[in-house]
Amino acid sequence: MKTALPVLYSFRRCPYAIRARLALAQAGVQVEVREVDLKRKPSELLAVSPAATVPVLDAGPDLVLTQSLDIMRWALAQHDPRGWLTSADAPANRALVHTSDTLFKAALDRYKYADRHPGQSREAYRQQARECLLDPLEARLQEQAFLGGAQPCLSDAAIFPFVRQFAGVEPAWWALAGGPATQRWLTHWLGSELFARCMVKLAVWQPGAPPLRFPG
């Protein structure tokens, strides 16, 4: 079934897809969302993005975005009611997002799946993740409520899904050892209406299914 809307291929639990949906919901830019089974990727996804990672935004033959940060900026460039883009362009925020996507993500994956990476202990990977991102994030959040200042910005939304994953690896450890400012920040995001809207469960998309609009 055809739709005039851009198509977002997504996977509910993927942190990259979560942050793309957060920006789309914040901007109020509507797309057709297609929930993907990552073990049975649809041919329609492969046709627009051979790598078939999610999220992918198919906005027509001249615009296919395969990077979550690009999707976030695309959405907010159309409508940015709370200035998420302006604050995100501060050099310190850009640096934190870059660290989140590189050093922190690598350490996080090893922390989550330490049995697959026996070169170091789970505790060592946890410490690497803490030192590269969580300690500087905590220092920033002790000075202000969000990376955007008094209000969140794109940088908060881009980093949050990965900190959420980190906190979920050892919840008891996080409750005792997570930085208090970062814990407050994470609790805000987890309890936000915006996050709740982004985490509604969807059936896996099938060709011919009626379009599902997001945000709905």
N, C-alpha and C. Protein backbone atom coordinates (compact mmCIF):
# COMPACT_ATOMS: atom_id res chain seq x y z
N MET A 1 0.85 -1.19 0.00
CA MET A 1 0.00 0.00 0.00
C MET A 1 0.89 1.25 0.00
N LYS A 2 0.63 2.14 -0.92
CA LYS A 2 1.43 3.34 -1.05
C LYS A 2 1.03 4.39 -0.03
N THR A 3 1.97 5.21 0.33
CA THR A 3 1.69 6.33 1.21
C THR A 3 2.52 7.51 0.75
N ALA A 4 1.97 8.69 0.95
CA ALA A 4 2.71 9.90 0.56
C ALA A 4 3.74 10.29 1.61
N LEU A 5 3.68 9.66 2.75
CA LEU A 5 4.59 10.01 3.84
C LEU A 5 5.97 9.37 3.64
N PRO A 6 7.02 10.01 4.16
CA PRO A 6 8.31 9.31 4.24
C PRO A 6 8.15 8.03 5.06
N VAL A 7 8.96 7.04 4.75
CA VAL A 7 8.87 5.75 5.43
C VAL A 7 10.07 5.59 6.36
N LEU A 8 9.79 5.28 7.61
CA LEU A 8 10.85 5.02 8.59
C LEU A 8 10.87 3.54 8.91
N TYR A 9 11.96 2.86 8.56
CA TYR A 9 12.17 1.48 8.98
C TYR A 9 12.83 1.52 10.35
N SER A 10 12.21 0.84 11.30
CA SER A 10 12.61 0.99 12.69
C SER A 10 12.58 -0.36 13.40
N PHE A 11 13.18 -0.38 14.57
CA PHE A 11 13.11 -1.54 15.47
C PHE A 11 12.98 -0.98 16.87
N ARG A 12 11.96 -1.37 17.56
CA ARG A 12 11.56 -0.71 18.80
C ARG A 12 12.68 -0.55 19.80
N ARG A 13 13.49 -1.58 20.03
CA ARG A 13 14.48 -1.55 21.10
C ARG A 13 15.84 -0.98 20.67
N CYS A 14 16.05 -0.80 19.39
CA CYS A 14 17.35 -0.30 18.92
C CYS A 14 17.57 1.13 19.39
N PRO A 15 18.68 1.42 20.08
CA PRO A 15 18.90 2.78 20.59
C PRO A 15 19.01 3.82 19.48
N TYR A 16 19.54 3.42 18.33
CA TYR A 16 19.63 4.37 17.22
C TYR A 16 18.23 4.71 16.71
N ALA A 17 17.38 3.70 16.62
CA ALA A 17 16.01 3.94 16.18
C ALA A 17 15.22 4.73 17.22
N ILE A 18 15.49 4.48 18.49
CA ILE A 18 14.80 5.22 19.55
C ILE A 18 15.09 6.71 19.42
N ARG A 19 16.36 7.06 19.22
CA ARG A 19 16.65 8.49 19.18
C ARG A 19 16.10 9.14 17.91
N ALA A 20 16.03 8.40 16.81
CA ALA A 20 15.39 8.96 15.63
C ALA A 20 13.90 9.22 15.89
N ARG A 21 13.25 8.29 16.54
CA ARG A 21 11.82 8.47 16.84
C ARG A 21 11.61 9.61 17.83
N LEU A 22 12.52 9.77 18.79
CA LEU A 22 12.41 10.88 19.73
C LEU A 22 12.41 12.22 18.99
N ALA A 23 13.31 12.37 18.03
CA ALA A 23 13.38 13.63 17.30
C ALA A 23 12.15 13.84 16.42
N LEU A 24 11.70 12.78 15.76
CA LEU A 24 10.50 12.89 14.93
C LEU A 24 9.29 13.28 15.77
N ALA A 25 9.16 12.67 16.95
CA ALA A 25 8.04 13.00 17.83
C ALA A 25 8.15 14.42 18.36
N GLN A 26 9.35 14.82 18.73
CA GLN A 26 9.57 16.18 19.23
C GLN A 26 9.24 17.21 18.14
N ALA A 27 9.65 16.92 16.92
CA ALA A 27 9.41 17.84 15.81
C ALA A 27 7.96 17.78 15.33
N GLY A 28 7.27 16.69 15.62
CA GLY A 28 5.92 16.54 15.10
C GLY A 28 5.90 16.27 13.61
N VAL A 29 7.00 15.70 13.08
CA VAL A 29 7.09 15.37 11.66
C VAL A 29 6.61 13.94 11.48
N GLN A 30 5.56 13.76 10.70
CA GLN A 30 4.92 12.46 10.61
C GLN A 30 5.54 11.61 9.50
N VAL A 31 5.71 10.33 9.80
CA VAL A 31 6.23 9.36 8.85
C VAL A 31 5.34 8.12 8.92
N GLU A 32 5.52 7.25 7.94
CA GLU A 32 4.97 5.90 8.06
C GLU A 32 6.03 5.03 8.70
N VAL A 33 5.74 4.46 9.85
CA VAL A 33 6.73 3.64 10.54
C VAL A 33 6.50 2.17 10.19
N ARG A 34 7.60 1.49 9.91
CA ARG A 34 7.55 0.06 9.61
C ARG A 34 8.48 -0.66 10.57
N GLU A 35 7.89 -1.41 11.49
CA GLU A 35 8.67 -2.18 12.45
C GLU A 35 9.29 -3.38 11.74
N VAL A 36 10.60 -3.56 11.91
CA VAL A 36 11.35 -4.57 11.17
C VAL A 36 11.72 -5.73 12.08
N ASP A 37 11.58 -6.94 11.56
CA ASP A 37 12.16 -8.12 12.19
C ASP A 37 13.59 -8.23 11.67
N LEU A 38 14.58 -8.00 12.54
CA LEU A 38 15.96 -7.94 12.10
C LEU A 38 16.49 -9.28 11.59
N LYS A 39 15.79 -10.36 11.89
CA LYS A 39 16.19 -11.67 11.37
C LYS A 39 15.57 -11.96 10.00
N ARG A 40 14.55 -11.18 9.64
CA ARG A 40 13.88 -11.36 8.35
C ARG A 40 13.62 -9.98 7.75
N LYS A 41 14.70 -9.33 7.34
CA LYS A 41 14.59 -7.96 6.85
C LYS A 41 13.83 -7.92 5.53
N PRO A 42 12.87 -7.03 5.40
CA PRO A 42 12.06 -7.01 4.18
C PRO A 42 12.85 -6.53 2.97
N SER A 43 12.46 -7.01 1.81
CA SER A 43 13.14 -6.62 0.58
C SER A 43 13.02 -5.13 0.33
N GLU A 44 11.93 -4.52 0.80
CA GLU A 44 11.74 -3.08 0.61
C GLU A 44 12.83 -2.29 1.34
N LEU A 45 13.24 -2.76 2.51
CA LEU A 45 14.33 -2.12 3.25
C LEU A 45 15.66 -2.32 2.52
N LEU A 46 15.91 -3.55 2.07
CA LEU A 46 17.15 -3.84 1.36
C LEU A 46 17.26 -3.05 0.07
N ALA A 47 16.12 -2.74 -0.54
CA ALA A 47 16.14 -2.01 -1.81
C ALA A 47 16.62 -0.57 -1.63
N VAL A 48 16.32 0.03 -0.48
CA VAL A 48 16.72 1.42 -0.27
C VAL A 48 18.02 1.53 0.52
N SER A 49 18.37 0.47 1.25
CA SER A 49 19.59 0.49 2.04
C SER A 49 20.16 -0.92 2.12
N PRO A 50 21.10 -1.27 1.25
CA PRO A 50 21.65 -2.63 1.25
C PRO A 50 22.22 -3.06 2.59
N ALA A 51 22.73 -2.11 3.39
CA ALA A 51 23.25 -2.47 4.71
C ALA A 51 22.14 -2.95 5.63
N ALA A 52 20.93 -2.42 5.41
CA ALA A 52 19.72 -2.85 6.12
C ALA A 52 19.82 -2.71 7.63
N THR A 53 20.60 -1.73 8.08
CA THR A 53 20.57 -1.39 9.50
C THR A 53 19.39 -0.45 9.74
N VAL A 54 18.97 -0.35 10.98
CA VAL A 54 17.89 0.58 11.32
C VAL A 54 18.43 1.63 12.29
N PRO A 55 17.85 2.85 12.21
CA PRO A 55 16.73 3.24 11.36
C PRO A 55 17.18 3.63 9.96
N VAL A 56 16.24 3.57 9.03
CA VAL A 56 16.41 4.10 7.69
C VAL A 56 15.18 4.94 7.38
N LEU A 57 15.39 6.13 6.86
CA LEU A 57 14.29 6.99 6.43
C LEU A 57 14.31 7.07 4.92
N ASP A 58 13.24 6.60 4.30
CA ASP A 58 13.08 6.66 2.85
C ASP A 58 12.08 7.77 2.54
N ALA A 59 12.63 8.92 2.14
CA ALA A 59 11.77 10.07 1.83
C ALA A 59 11.67 10.28 0.32
N GLY A 60 11.94 9.23 -0.46
CA GLY A 60 11.82 9.34 -1.90
C GLY A 60 13.14 9.04 -2.58
N PRO A 61 13.15 9.04 -3.92
CA PRO A 61 14.35 8.62 -4.65
C PRO A 61 15.57 9.51 -4.42
N ASP A 62 15.33 10.74 -4.00
CA ASP A 62 16.46 11.66 -3.82
C ASP A 62 16.88 11.84 -2.37
N LEU A 63 16.23 11.14 -1.45
CA LEU A 63 16.57 11.31 -0.03
C LEU A 63 16.33 10.03 0.73
N VAL A 64 17.41 9.31 1.00
CA VAL A 64 17.38 8.15 1.88
C VAL A 64 18.44 8.38 2.95
N LEU A 65 18.00 8.42 4.20
CA LEU A 65 18.90 8.66 5.32
C LEU A 65 19.10 7.37 6.09
N THR A 66 20.35 6.98 6.28
CA THR A 66 20.65 5.71 6.94
C THR A 66 21.37 5.89 8.27
N GLN A 67 21.56 7.15 8.68
CA GLN A 67 22.20 7.44 9.96
C GLN A 67 21.19 8.11 10.88
N SER A 68 21.12 7.64 12.11
CA SER A 68 20.10 8.16 13.03
C SER A 68 20.26 9.64 13.31
N LEU A 69 21.50 10.11 13.44
CA LEU A 69 21.69 11.54 13.70
C LEU A 69 21.22 12.38 12.51
N ASP A 70 21.41 11.87 11.30
CA ASP A 70 20.91 12.59 10.12
C ASP A 70 19.39 12.66 10.13
N ILE A 71 18.75 11.58 10.55
CA ILE A 71 17.29 11.58 10.63
C ILE A 71 16.82 12.58 11.68
N MET A 72 17.52 12.62 12.82
CA MET A 72 17.16 13.58 13.86
C MET A 72 17.25 15.01 13.34
N ARG A 73 18.35 15.32 12.67
CA ARG A 73 18.54 16.68 12.17
C ARG A 73 17.56 17.00 11.04
N TRP A 74 17.25 16.02 10.20
CA TRP A 74 16.26 16.22 9.14
C TRP A 74 14.90 16.59 9.73
N ALA A 75 14.49 15.88 10.76
CA ALA A 75 13.19 16.16 11.38
C ALA A 75 13.17 17.54 12.02
N LEU A 76 14.21 17.84 12.79
CA LEU A 76 14.23 19.10 13.53
C LEU A 76 14.49 20.29 12.64
N ALA A 77 15.09 20.07 11.48
CA ALA A 77 15.26 21.17 10.53
C ALA A 77 13.91 21.64 10.00
N GLN A 78 12.91 20.76 10.03
CA GLN A 78 11.58 21.12 9.56
C GLN A 78 10.75 21.82 10.64
N HIS A 79 10.94 21.41 11.87
CA HIS A 79 10.20 22.02 12.97
C HIS A 79 10.93 21.73 14.27
N ASP A 80 11.37 22.78 14.93
CA ASP A 80 12.19 22.63 16.14
C ASP A 80 11.62 23.55 17.22
N PRO A 81 10.48 23.19 17.80
CA PRO A 81 9.76 24.12 18.67
C PRO A 81 10.51 24.51 19.93
N ARG A 82 11.47 23.69 20.38
CA ARG A 82 12.19 24.00 21.62
C ARG A 82 13.69 24.18 21.41
N GLY A 83 14.09 24.43 20.18
CA GLY A 83 15.48 24.75 19.92
C GLY A 83 16.45 23.61 20.17
N TRP A 84 16.05 22.39 19.90
CA TRP A 84 16.93 21.25 20.12
C TRP A 84 18.21 21.34 19.30
N LEU A 85 18.12 21.85 18.08
CA LEU A 85 19.30 21.89 17.22
C LEU A 85 20.30 22.94 17.68
N THR A 86 19.83 24.07 18.11
CA THR A 86 20.72 25.17 18.49
C THR A 86 21.66 24.76 19.61
N SER A 87 21.11 24.19 20.66
CA SER A 87 21.94 23.78 21.79
C SER A 87 22.84 22.62 21.44
N ALA A 88 22.38 21.74 20.56
CA ALA A 88 23.18 20.57 20.19
C ALA A 88 24.43 20.93 19.43
N ASP A 89 24.43 22.10 18.80
CA ASP A 89 25.59 22.49 17.99
C ASP A 89 26.73 23.06 18.83
N ALA A 90 26.54 23.21 20.13
CA ALA A 90 27.66 23.62 20.99
C ALA A 90 28.77 22.58 20.89
N PRO A 91 30.03 23.01 20.77
CA PRO A 91 31.13 22.05 20.59
C PRO A 91 31.19 20.97 21.68
N ALA A 92 30.92 21.34 22.92
CA ALA A 92 30.98 20.35 24.00
C ALA A 92 29.92 19.27 23.81
N ASN A 93 28.74 19.66 23.33
CA ASN A 93 27.68 18.68 23.11
C ASN A 93 27.99 17.79 21.92
N ARG A 94 28.52 18.38 20.86
CA ARG A 94 28.91 17.56 19.71
C ARG A 94 29.97 16.53 20.13
N ALA A 95 30.89 16.94 20.98
CA ALA A 95 31.95 16.03 21.43
C ALA A 95 31.37 14.87 22.24
N LEU A 96 30.40 15.16 23.12
CA LEU A 96 29.79 14.10 23.92
C LEU A 96 29.04 13.10 23.04
N VAL A 97 28.31 13.60 22.05
CA VAL A 97 27.58 12.69 21.15
C VAL A 97 28.57 11.83 20.36
N HIS A 98 29.65 12.43 19.90
CA HIS A 98 30.66 11.65 19.17
C HIS A 98 31.25 10.57 20.07
N THR A 99 31.57 10.91 21.30
CA THR A 99 32.10 9.91 22.24
C THR A 99 31.09 8.81 22.49
N SER A 100 29.82 9.19 22.65
CA SER A 100 28.77 8.21 22.87
C SER A 100 28.70 7.20 21.73
N ASP A 101 28.85 7.69 20.50
CA ASP A 101 28.70 6.83 19.33
C ASP A 101 29.96 6.03 19.02
N THR A 102 31.07 6.34 19.63
CA THR A 102 32.32 5.67 19.31
C THR A 102 32.87 4.92 20.52
N LEU A 103 33.62 5.59 21.36
CA LEU A 103 34.27 4.93 22.49
C LEU A 103 33.26 4.31 23.46
N PHE A 104 32.22 5.05 23.79
CA PHE A 104 31.24 4.54 24.76
C PHE A 104 30.48 3.36 24.19
N LYS A 105 30.04 3.46 22.94
CA LYS A 105 29.29 2.35 22.34
C LYS A 105 30.13 1.08 22.30
N ALA A 106 31.40 1.22 21.96
CA ALA A 106 32.28 0.04 21.93
C ALA A 106 32.41 -0.58 23.32
N ALA A 107 32.62 0.26 24.34
CA ALA A 107 32.75 -0.26 25.71
C ALA A 107 31.42 -0.83 26.19
N LEU A 108 30.33 -0.18 25.84
CA LEU A 108 29.00 -0.67 26.23
C LEU A 108 28.73 -2.06 25.68
N ASP A 109 29.03 -2.27 24.41
CA ASP A 109 28.78 -3.58 23.81
C ASP A 109 29.59 -4.67 24.51
N ARG A 110 30.83 -4.36 24.88
CA ARG A 110 31.66 -5.34 25.58
C ARG A 110 31.18 -5.54 27.02
N TYR A 111 30.69 -4.49 27.62
CA TYR A 111 30.13 -4.59 28.98
C TYR A 111 28.89 -5.46 28.98
N LYS A 112 28.01 -5.25 28.01
CA LYS A 112 26.78 -6.03 27.92
C LYS A 112 27.05 -7.50 27.64
N TYR A 113 28.02 -7.75 26.77
CA TYR A 113 28.29 -9.11 26.32
C TYR A 113 29.73 -9.49 26.67
N ALA A 114 30.06 -9.34 27.95
CA ALA A 114 31.44 -9.57 28.39
C ALA A 114 31.89 -11.00 28.13
N ASP A 115 30.98 -11.96 28.12
CA ASP A 115 31.35 -13.35 27.87
C ASP A 115 31.85 -13.55 26.44
N ARG A 116 31.47 -12.64 25.54
CA ARG A 116 31.94 -12.73 24.15
C ARG A 116 33.27 -12.02 23.96
N HIS A 117 33.69 -11.28 24.97
CA HIS A 117 34.92 -10.49 24.88
C HIS A 117 35.79 -10.78 26.09
N PRO A 118 36.40 -11.97 26.14
CA PRO A 118 37.13 -12.39 27.34
C PRO A 118 38.46 -11.69 27.55
N GLY A 119 38.81 -10.78 26.66
CA GLY A 119 40.09 -10.09 26.81
C GLY A 119 40.20 -9.30 28.10
N GLN A 120 39.06 -8.78 28.59
CA GLN A 120 39.04 -8.05 29.85
C GLN A 120 37.78 -8.46 30.62
N SER A 121 37.70 -8.04 31.86
CA SER A 121 36.56 -8.37 32.70
C SER A 121 35.39 -7.43 32.42
N ARG A 122 34.21 -7.85 32.84
CA ARG A 122 33.05 -6.97 32.73
C ARG A 122 33.29 -5.66 33.46
N GLU A 123 33.91 -5.74 34.63
CA GLU A 123 34.19 -4.55 35.42
C GLU A 123 35.12 -3.59 34.67
N ALA A 124 36.08 -4.14 33.92
CA ALA A 124 37.01 -3.29 33.17
C ALA A 124 36.28 -2.56 32.05
N TYR A 125 35.40 -3.26 31.35
CA TYR A 125 34.62 -2.61 30.29
C TYR A 125 33.68 -1.56 30.87
N ARG A 126 33.11 -1.87 32.02
CA ARG A 126 32.24 -0.90 32.69
C ARG A 126 33.01 0.36 33.04
N GLN A 127 34.22 0.20 33.53
CA GLN A 127 35.04 1.36 33.89
C GLN A 127 35.42 2.17 32.66
N GLN A 128 35.71 1.51 31.56
CA GLN A 128 36.02 2.23 30.32
C GLN A 128 34.83 3.09 29.89
N ALA A 129 33.64 2.51 29.95
CA ALA A 129 32.45 3.26 29.57
C ALA A 129 32.22 4.44 30.50
N ARG A 130 32.48 4.20 31.76
CA ARG A 130 32.28 5.27 32.74
C ARG A 130 33.25 6.43 32.50
N GLU A 131 34.50 6.10 32.27
CA GLU A 131 35.51 7.15 32.14
C GLU A 131 35.34 7.97 30.87
N CYS A 132 34.98 7.30 29.76
CA CYS A 132 34.95 8.03 28.50
C CYS A 132 33.71 8.92 28.37
N LEU A 133 32.57 8.50 28.93
CA LEU A 133 31.35 9.29 28.74
C LEU A 133 30.63 9.64 30.04
N LEU A 134 30.43 8.66 30.91
CA LEU A 134 29.55 8.87 32.06
C LEU A 134 30.13 9.87 33.05
N ASP A 135 31.44 9.86 33.25
CA ASP A 135 32.03 10.84 34.16
C ASP A 135 31.91 12.27 33.61
N PRO A 136 32.26 12.53 32.34
CA PRO A 136 32.06 13.89 31.82
C PRO A 136 30.60 14.27 31.72
N LEU A 137 29.73 13.31 31.43
CA LEU A 137 28.29 13.60 31.40
C LEU A 137 27.80 14.01 32.78
N GLU A 138 28.25 13.28 33.81
CA GLU A 138 27.87 13.61 35.18
C GLU A 138 28.33 15.01 35.56
N ALA A 139 29.56 15.36 35.17
CA ALA A 139 30.07 16.69 35.49
C ALA A 139 29.22 17.78 34.85
N ARG A 140 28.81 17.57 33.60
CA ARG A 140 27.96 18.55 32.92
C ARG A 140 26.59 18.65 33.59
N LEU A 141 26.02 17.51 33.93
CA LEU A 141 24.67 17.50 34.48
C LEU A 141 24.62 17.96 35.93
N GLN A 142 25.75 18.01 36.60
CA GLN A 142 25.78 18.63 37.92
C GLN A 142 25.69 20.15 37.82
N GLU A 143 26.07 20.68 36.67
CA GLU A 143 26.02 22.12 36.45
C GLU A 143 24.69 22.58 35.88
N GLN A 144 24.01 21.72 35.14
CA GLN A 144 22.74 22.08 34.51
C GLN A 144 21.91 20.82 34.35
N ALA A 145 20.60 20.99 34.27
CA ALA A 145 19.70 19.83 34.28
C ALA A 145 19.84 18.97 33.03
N PHE A 146 20.12 19.60 31.89
CA PHE A 146 20.23 18.89 30.62
C PHE A 146 21.42 19.42 29.85
N LEU A 147 21.82 18.70 28.82
CA LEU A 147 22.90 19.20 27.97
C LEU A 147 22.46 20.45 27.22
N GLY A 148 21.16 20.63 27.07
CA GLY A 148 20.64 21.85 26.47
C GLY A 148 20.47 22.98 27.46
N GLY A 149 20.84 22.78 28.71
CA GLY A 149 20.67 23.80 29.74
C GLY A 149 19.49 23.46 30.62
N ALA A 150 18.53 24.37 30.69
CA ALA A 150 17.33 24.12 31.49
C ALA A 150 16.38 23.15 30.80
N GLN A 151 16.52 23.00 29.48
CA GLN A 151 15.67 22.12 28.69
C GLN A 151 16.53 21.16 27.88
N PRO A 152 15.98 20.00 27.52
CA PRO A 152 16.76 19.06 26.72
C PRO A 152 17.06 19.60 25.33
N CYS A 153 18.02 18.97 24.66
CA CYS A 153 18.32 19.28 23.27
C CYS A 153 18.57 17.95 22.54
N LEU A 154 18.92 18.06 21.27
CA LEU A 154 19.20 16.86 20.48
C LEU A 154 20.26 16.00 21.14
N SER A 155 21.27 16.60 21.75
CA SER A 155 22.36 15.83 22.35
C SER A 155 21.85 14.93 23.48
N ASP A 156 20.95 15.44 24.31
CA ASP A 156 20.35 14.62 25.36
C ASP A 156 19.65 13.41 24.76
N ALA A 157 18.81 13.67 23.75
CA ALA A 157 18.03 12.60 23.13
C ALA A 157 18.92 11.60 22.41
N ALA A 158 20.06 12.07 21.86
CA ALA A 158 20.96 11.18 21.14
C ALA A 158 21.71 10.24 22.07
N ILE A 159 22.04 10.71 23.26
CA ILE A 159 22.84 9.93 24.20
C ILE A 159 21.97 9.06 25.10
N PHE A 160 20.80 9.54 25.44
CA PHE A 160 19.94 8.86 26.42
C PHE A 160 19.73 7.37 26.14
N PRO A 161 19.39 6.93 24.91
CA PRO A 161 19.11 5.50 24.73
C PRO A 161 20.29 4.60 25.06
N PHE A 162 21.51 5.11 24.90
CA PHE A 162 22.69 4.31 25.19
C PHE A 162 22.99 4.27 26.69
N VAL A 163 22.77 5.39 27.39
CA VAL A 163 22.89 5.39 28.84
C VAL A 163 21.83 4.48 29.45
N ARG A 164 20.65 4.49 28.87
CA ARG A 164 19.58 3.57 29.31
C ARG A 164 20.05 2.13 29.23
N GLN A 165 20.69 1.77 28.12
CA GLN A 165 21.20 0.40 27.99
C GLN A 165 22.26 0.11 29.04
N PHE A 166 23.16 1.05 29.25
CA PHE A 166 24.22 0.86 30.24
C PHE A 166 23.62 0.61 31.62
N ALA A 167 22.66 1.44 32.02
CA ALA A 167 22.05 1.30 33.34
C ALA A 167 21.32 -0.02 33.51
N GLY A 168 20.88 -0.61 32.40
CA GLY A 168 20.14 -1.87 32.47
C GLY A 168 20.99 -3.11 32.55
N VAL A 169 22.29 -2.98 32.35
CA VAL A 169 23.15 -4.17 32.40
C VAL A 169 23.24 -4.70 33.82
N GLU A 170 23.51 -3.82 34.77
CA GLU A 170 23.58 -4.19 36.20
C GLU A 170 22.79 -3.14 36.99
N PRO A 171 21.48 -3.27 37.04
CA PRO A 171 20.65 -2.24 37.68
C PRO A 171 21.02 -1.99 39.13
N ALA A 172 21.38 -3.04 39.86
CA ALA A 172 21.73 -2.86 41.28
C ALA A 172 23.01 -2.03 41.41
N TRP A 173 23.99 -2.30 40.55
CA TRP A 173 25.21 -1.49 40.57
C TRP A 173 24.91 -0.05 40.20
N TRP A 174 24.10 0.14 39.17
CA TRP A 174 23.77 1.50 38.72
C TRP A 174 23.07 2.28 39.82
N ALA A 175 22.17 1.63 40.55
CA ALA A 175 21.44 2.31 41.61
C ALA A 175 22.37 2.83 42.70
N LEU A 176 23.47 2.11 42.92
CA LEU A 176 24.40 2.51 43.97
C LEU A 176 25.53 3.40 43.46
N ALA A 177 25.99 3.14 42.24
CA ALA A 177 27.22 3.78 41.76
C ALA A 177 27.02 4.76 40.62
N GLY A 178 25.85 4.80 40.04
CA GLY A 178 25.60 5.77 38.98
C GLY A 178 25.63 7.19 39.54
N GLY A 179 26.15 8.11 38.75
CA GLY A 179 26.21 9.49 39.21
C GLY A 179 24.82 10.04 39.51
N PRO A 180 24.62 10.75 40.63
CA PRO A 180 23.28 11.20 41.00
C PRO A 180 22.65 12.14 39.97
N ALA A 181 23.44 13.01 39.36
CA ALA A 181 22.88 13.91 38.36
C ALA A 181 22.46 13.14 37.11
N THR A 182 23.28 12.17 36.72
CA THR A 182 22.94 11.35 35.55
C THR A 182 21.74 10.47 35.85
N GLN A 183 21.63 9.97 37.07
CA GLN A 183 20.46 9.18 37.45
C GLN A 183 19.19 10.02 37.36
N ARG A 184 19.23 11.25 37.83
CA ARG A 184 18.05 12.13 37.73
C ARG A 184 17.70 12.38 36.28
N TRP A 185 18.72 12.64 35.47
CA TRP A 185 18.53 12.89 34.04
C TRP A 185 17.90 11.69 33.37
N LEU A 186 18.42 10.50 33.66
CA LEU A 186 17.90 9.28 33.06
C LEU A 186 16.46 9.03 33.51
N THR A 187 16.19 9.24 34.79
CA THR A 187 14.83 9.05 35.30
C THR A 187 13.85 9.98 34.60
N HIS A 188 14.28 11.21 34.35
CA HIS A 188 13.42 12.15 33.62
C HIS A 188 13.05 11.58 32.26
N TRP A 189 14.06 11.13 31.51
CA TRP A 189 13.79 10.63 30.17
C TRP A 189 12.92 9.38 30.19
N LEU A 190 13.21 8.47 31.11
CA LEU A 190 12.44 7.23 31.17
C LEU A 190 10.97 7.48 31.50
N GLY A 191 10.71 8.52 32.27
CA GLY A 191 9.34 8.83 32.66
C GLY A 191 8.65 9.83 31.77
N SER A 192 9.32 10.26 30.71
CA SER A 192 8.75 11.32 29.87
C SER A 192 7.66 10.79 28.96
N GLU A 193 6.72 11.65 28.67
CA GLU A 193 5.65 11.32 27.74
C GLU A 193 6.22 11.09 26.34
N LEU A 194 7.27 11.83 25.99
CA LEU A 194 7.89 11.69 24.69
C LEU A 194 8.46 10.28 24.50
N PHE A 195 9.16 9.78 25.51
CA PHE A 195 9.72 8.43 25.44
C PHE A 195 8.61 7.39 25.37
N ALA A 196 7.56 7.58 26.14
CA ALA A 196 6.44 6.63 26.13
C ALA A 196 5.83 6.53 24.74
N ARG A 197 5.69 7.65 24.07
CA ARG A 197 5.13 7.65 22.72
C ARG A 197 6.02 6.90 21.75
N CYS A 198 7.32 6.94 21.99
CA CYS A 198 8.27 6.31 21.08
C CYS A 198 8.41 4.81 21.30
N MET A 199 7.90 4.30 22.40
CA MET A 199 8.11 2.90 22.75
C MET A 199 6.85 2.06 22.67
N VAL A 200 5.81 2.58 22.02
CA VAL A 200 4.60 1.79 21.82
C VAL A 200 4.94 0.57 20.96
N LYS A 201 4.47 -0.59 21.36
CA LYS A 201 4.76 -1.81 20.62
C LYS A 201 3.96 -1.85 19.32
N LEU A 202 4.63 -2.23 18.25
CA LEU A 202 4.01 -2.34 16.95
C LEU A 202 4.19 -3.75 16.40
N ALA A 203 3.24 -4.18 15.60
CA ALA A 203 3.39 -5.46 14.90
C ALA A 203 4.47 -5.30 13.83
N VAL A 204 5.16 -6.38 13.53
CA VAL A 204 6.15 -6.37 12.46
C VAL A 204 5.44 -6.05 11.15
N TRP A 205 6.02 -5.13 10.40
CA TRP A 205 5.41 -4.69 9.14
C TRP A 205 5.42 -5.80 8.10
N GLN A 206 4.31 -5.89 7.36
CA GLN A 206 4.19 -6.81 6.25
C GLN A 206 3.76 -6.04 5.02
N PRO A 207 4.26 -6.38 3.83
CA PRO A 207 3.82 -5.70 2.61
C PRO A 207 2.30 -5.75 2.48
N GLY A 208 1.73 -4.62 2.11
CA GLY A 208 0.28 -4.54 1.96
C GLY A 208 -0.45 -4.14 3.22
N ALA A 209 0.28 -4.06 4.35
CA ALA A 209 -0.37 -3.66 5.60
C ALA A 209 -0.76 -2.18 5.54
N PRO A 210 -1.84 -1.80 6.21
CA PRO A 210 -2.21 -0.38 6.25
C PRO A 210 -1.09 0.44 6.87
N PRO A 211 -0.81 1.63 6.34
CA PRO A 211 0.26 2.46 6.90
C PRO A 211 0.01 2.82 8.36
N LEU A 212 1.06 2.76 9.18
CA LEU A 212 1.01 3.22 10.57
C LEU A 212 1.75 4.54 10.66
N ARG A 213 1.06 5.56 11.10
CA ARG A 213 1.66 6.88 11.16
C ARG A 213 2.35 7.10 12.51
N PHE A 214 3.52 7.69 12.42
CA PHE A 214 4.26 8.06 13.62
C PHE A 214 4.80 9.48 13.45
N PRO A 215 4.67 10.34 14.48
CA PRO A 215 3.88 10.11 15.70
C PRO A 215 2.40 10.05 15.37
N GLY A 216 1.70 9.19 16.13
CA GLY A 216 0.29 8.97 15.86
C GLY A 216 -0.56 9.94 16.64
